[in-house]
Structures are given as C-alpha cells and as structure tokens.
Amino acid sequence: MLVPALPGCISEGSTREEALKNIQEAIELYLEPVEDDLVLQSEAELLELVV
C-alpha cells in the first residue's frame, strides 16, 4: 500500500487487514516530528506566509 499524499510512505502485509494496520503505522511514523526538525539552525529565519 502507498499513500500518494505522503511521498515515500509505503507498506505491505500478508493480508488486507495486516496491510491496513501496517500502513496506518507507517502514516503515524511519517507524520511524527523528528527532534532535529524542531530545532532552528542559527542562520534560519522563521516566516509566516499567507497565500
């Protein structure tokens, strides 16, 4: 199974039920913030953009 809205978020299973369980876990892990993502580098600039 793959999630088109989340590039690289792919999983599989031996049964449909297992595949659904595995893709749910893959989505949760994909969306889980990584600690490094929460730290801004010294040269980083935080902007708010409204479109």
Protein backbone atom coordinates (compact mmCIF):
# COMPACT_ATOMS: atom_id res chain seq x y z
CA MET A 1 0.00 0.00 0.00
CA LEU A 2 1.11 3.55 -0.60
CA VAL A 3 -0.13 6.98 0.36
CA PRO A 4 0.14 9.34 -2.65
CA ALA A 5 -0.16 12.42 -0.41
CA LEU A 6 2.90 11.31 1.61
CA PRO A 7 5.80 10.59 -0.77
CA GLY A 8 7.74 7.50 0.26
CA CYS A 9 5.08 6.34 2.71
CA ILE A 10 4.74 2.69 1.65
CA SER A 11 3.89 -0.52 3.48
CA GLU A 12 2.69 -4.06 2.83
CA GLY A 13 1.19 -7.05 4.61
CA SER A 14 0.34 -10.72 4.11
CA THR A 15 -3.39 -9.93 4.31
CA ARG A 16 -5.53 -6.88 3.61
CA GLU A 17 -6.06 -6.38 7.35
CA GLU A 18 -2.33 -6.58 8.06
CA ALA A 19 -1.57 -4.19 5.19
CA LEU A 20 -4.10 -1.66 6.55
CA LYS A 21 -2.63 -1.95 10.05
CA ASN A 22 0.89 -1.54 8.69
CA ILE A 23 0.06 1.49 6.53
CA GLN A 24 -1.65 3.16 9.49
CA GLU A 25 1.55 2.72 11.49
CA ALA A 26 3.63 3.97 8.55
CA ILE A 27 1.47 7.12 8.31
CA GLU A 28 1.83 7.77 12.05
CA LEU A 29 5.61 7.38 11.84
CA TYR A 30 5.79 9.53 8.69
CA LEU A 31 3.96 12.37 10.42
CA GLU A 32 5.82 12.06 13.73
CA PRO A 33 8.10 15.07 14.19
CA VAL A 34 11.82 14.37 14.25
CA GLU A 35 13.66 16.12 17.07
CA ASP A 36 16.11 17.72 14.62
CA ASP A 37 13.18 19.22 12.69
CA LEU A 38 12.13 21.16 15.79
CA VAL A 39 15.47 22.97 16.20
CA LEU A 40 16.13 26.01 14.00
CA GLN A 41 19.67 26.50 12.78
CA SER A 42 21.31 29.79 13.75
CA GLU A 43 21.04 31.11 10.17
CA ALA A 44 17.40 30.01 9.82
CA GLU A 45 14.64 32.58 9.56
CA LEU A 46 11.06 31.84 10.59
CA LEU A 47 8.44 33.44 8.33
CA GLU A 48 4.66 33.35 8.23
CA LEU A 49 3.28 33.20 4.69
CA VAL A 50 -0.36 33.72 3.79
CA VAL A 51 -1.49 32.81 0.28
